[in-house]
Protein backbone atom coordinates (compact mmCIF):
# COMPACT_ATOMS: atom_id res chain seq x y z
CA MET A 1 49.47 32.41 -3.45
CA PHE A 2 50.76 29.22 -5.08
CA GLY A 3 47.65 27.99 -6.87
CA SER A 4 45.47 25.02 -6.06
CA SER A 5 48.22 22.38 -6.38
CA PRO A 6 51.62 23.86 -5.60
CA ASN A 7 54.77 21.81 -6.00
CA GLY A 8 56.72 21.09 -2.89
CA ILE A 9 58.63 18.84 -0.56
CA LEU A 10 58.60 18.80 3.22
CA ILE A 11 61.27 16.74 4.97
CA LEU A 12 60.98 16.10 8.70
CA LEU A 13 63.83 14.11 10.20
CA PRO A 14 63.36 12.35 13.55
CA GLU A 15 66.53 14.09 14.78
CA GLY A 16 64.68 17.42 14.64
CA ARG A 17 65.70 18.92 11.28
CA MET A 18 63.17 20.02 8.70
CA ALA A 19 63.44 21.38 5.18
CA ALA A 20 60.74 22.71 2.89
CA ILE A 21 60.60 24.03 -0.65
CA MET A 22 57.45 25.14 -2.44
CA THR A 23 56.80 26.61 -5.87
CA PRO A 24 53.62 27.70 -7.65
CA SER A 25 51.66 25.09 -9.58
CA GLU A 26 51.95 27.04 -12.82
CA GLN A 27 55.52 28.05 -13.66
CA LYS A 28 56.83 29.19 -17.01
CA PRO A 29 60.52 28.83 -17.92
CA PRO A 30 62.25 32.12 -17.03
CA LEU A 31 63.56 33.81 -20.19
CA THR A 32 64.59 37.22 -18.87
CA ASP A 33 66.20 38.61 -15.73
CA ALA A 34 62.76 39.88 -14.68
CA ASP A 35 61.35 36.35 -15.14
CA ARG A 36 64.15 34.88 -13.03
CA ALA A 37 63.61 37.47 -10.30
CA ARG A 38 59.88 36.68 -10.27
CA ALA A 39 60.57 32.93 -10.07
CA TYR A 40 62.84 33.56 -7.07
CA GLN A 41 60.18 35.69 -5.38
CA GLU A 42 57.53 33.02 -5.98
CA LEU A 43 59.30 30.24 -4.14
CA ILE A 44 59.61 29.35 -0.50
CA ALA A 45 62.66 27.44 0.72
CA TYR A 46 63.91 27.13 4.25
CA SER A 47 65.30 24.71 6.81
CA GLY A 48 65.99 24.58 10.51
CA HIS A 49 65.70 22.61 13.71
CA TYR A 50 62.19 21.99 14.98
CA ARG A 51 60.71 21.14 18.33
CA LEU A 52 57.30 19.69 19.12
CA GLU A 53 54.92 21.58 21.40
CA PRO A 54 52.13 19.22 22.44
CA PRO A 55 49.45 18.64 21.62
CA ASN A 56 49.62 19.76 17.97
CA ARG A 57 52.29 22.35 17.23
CA PHE A 58 55.83 22.37 15.99
CA VAL A 59 58.19 25.33 15.93
CA THR A 60 61.14 25.60 13.56
CA THR A 61 64.09 27.89 14.25
CA VAL A 62 65.11 28.80 10.72
CA ASP A 63 68.84 28.65 10.01
CA VAL A 64 68.79 28.51 6.17
CA ALA A 65 66.31 30.48 4.05
CA TRP A 66 65.88 32.03 0.64
CA PHE A 67 64.24 34.99 2.43
CA GLN A 68 66.79 36.63 4.75
CA PRO A 69 64.25 38.06 7.26
CA TRP A 70 63.32 34.48 8.24
CA LEU A 71 66.86 33.62 9.44
CA GLU A 72 66.98 32.90 13.18
CA VAL A 73 63.20 33.40 13.38
CA GLU A 74 60.87 30.83 14.86
CA GLN A 75 58.19 29.62 12.45
CA ALA A 76 55.28 28.09 14.37
CA ARG A 77 52.78 25.67 12.85
CA SER A 78 49.73 23.77 14.07
CA PHE A 79 49.30 20.33 12.59
CA ASP A 80 46.91 17.43 12.26
CA LEU A 81 47.89 14.00 10.98
CA ASP A 82 45.10 12.29 9.04
CA GLY A 83 46.34 8.92 7.81
CA GLU A 84 49.02 9.66 5.21
CA THR A 85 48.21 13.40 5.08
CA LEU A 86 49.84 16.03 7.29
CA ASN A 87 47.72 19.18 7.47
CA ILE A 88 49.55 22.31 8.61
CA VAL A 89 48.37 25.83 9.42
CA SER A 90 51.11 28.39 9.91
CA ASP A 91 51.09 31.34 12.23
CA ALA A 92 50.86 34.62 10.33
CA SER A 93 54.12 35.78 8.71
CA THR A 94 55.39 37.88 5.82
CA THR A 95 56.86 36.69 2.53
CA PRO A 96 58.46 38.49 -0.41
CA LEU A 97 55.14 38.26 -2.27
CA THR A 98 53.14 39.92 0.49
CA GLY A 99 55.49 42.69 1.59
CA ASP A 100 54.40 43.91 5.01
CA ALA A 101 51.10 42.03 4.85
CA LYS A 102 51.02 38.87 6.94
CA VAL A 103 49.58 35.65 5.54
CA VAL A 104 48.59 32.32 7.05
CA GLY A 105 49.69 29.20 5.18
CA VAL A 106 47.25 26.30 4.96
CA LEU A 107 49.03 23.24 3.60
CA SER A 108 48.38 19.55 3.16
CA TRP A 109 51.30 17.22 2.63
CA ARG A 110 50.90 13.59 1.56
CA ARG A 111 53.47 11.01 2.63
CA GLU A 112 55.66 10.02 -0.28
CA THR A 113 55.45 6.35 -1.17
CA ASP A 114 58.44 4.22 -2.06
CA PRO A 115 58.55 4.14 -5.90
CA GLU A 116 60.11 0.66 -5.79
CA LYS A 117 57.12 -0.87 -3.99
């Protein structure tokens, strides 16, 4: 959905809050209202409180989202930590791009390094 190298940030706080935003790898500057609507539909942005479910799952109760149907919904993910890479596979869910069709997200996040080091 987002190309081979989407742009994104995943923030996981030890207190149990997460936030994620993802955009497609290839984005053109929106010039028209239709372009802006498409750009909005092509992003994912949400946040909420998460809990760990051993051995390898976390579940986020979404309380802020760009996609209203996700509000107050639990988003479950399986994960695997491989060095500095967090691999995540989502449970099936819908997005604005898929309509009623459910998709499974397969994501790899690399730990951000301190730019001052």
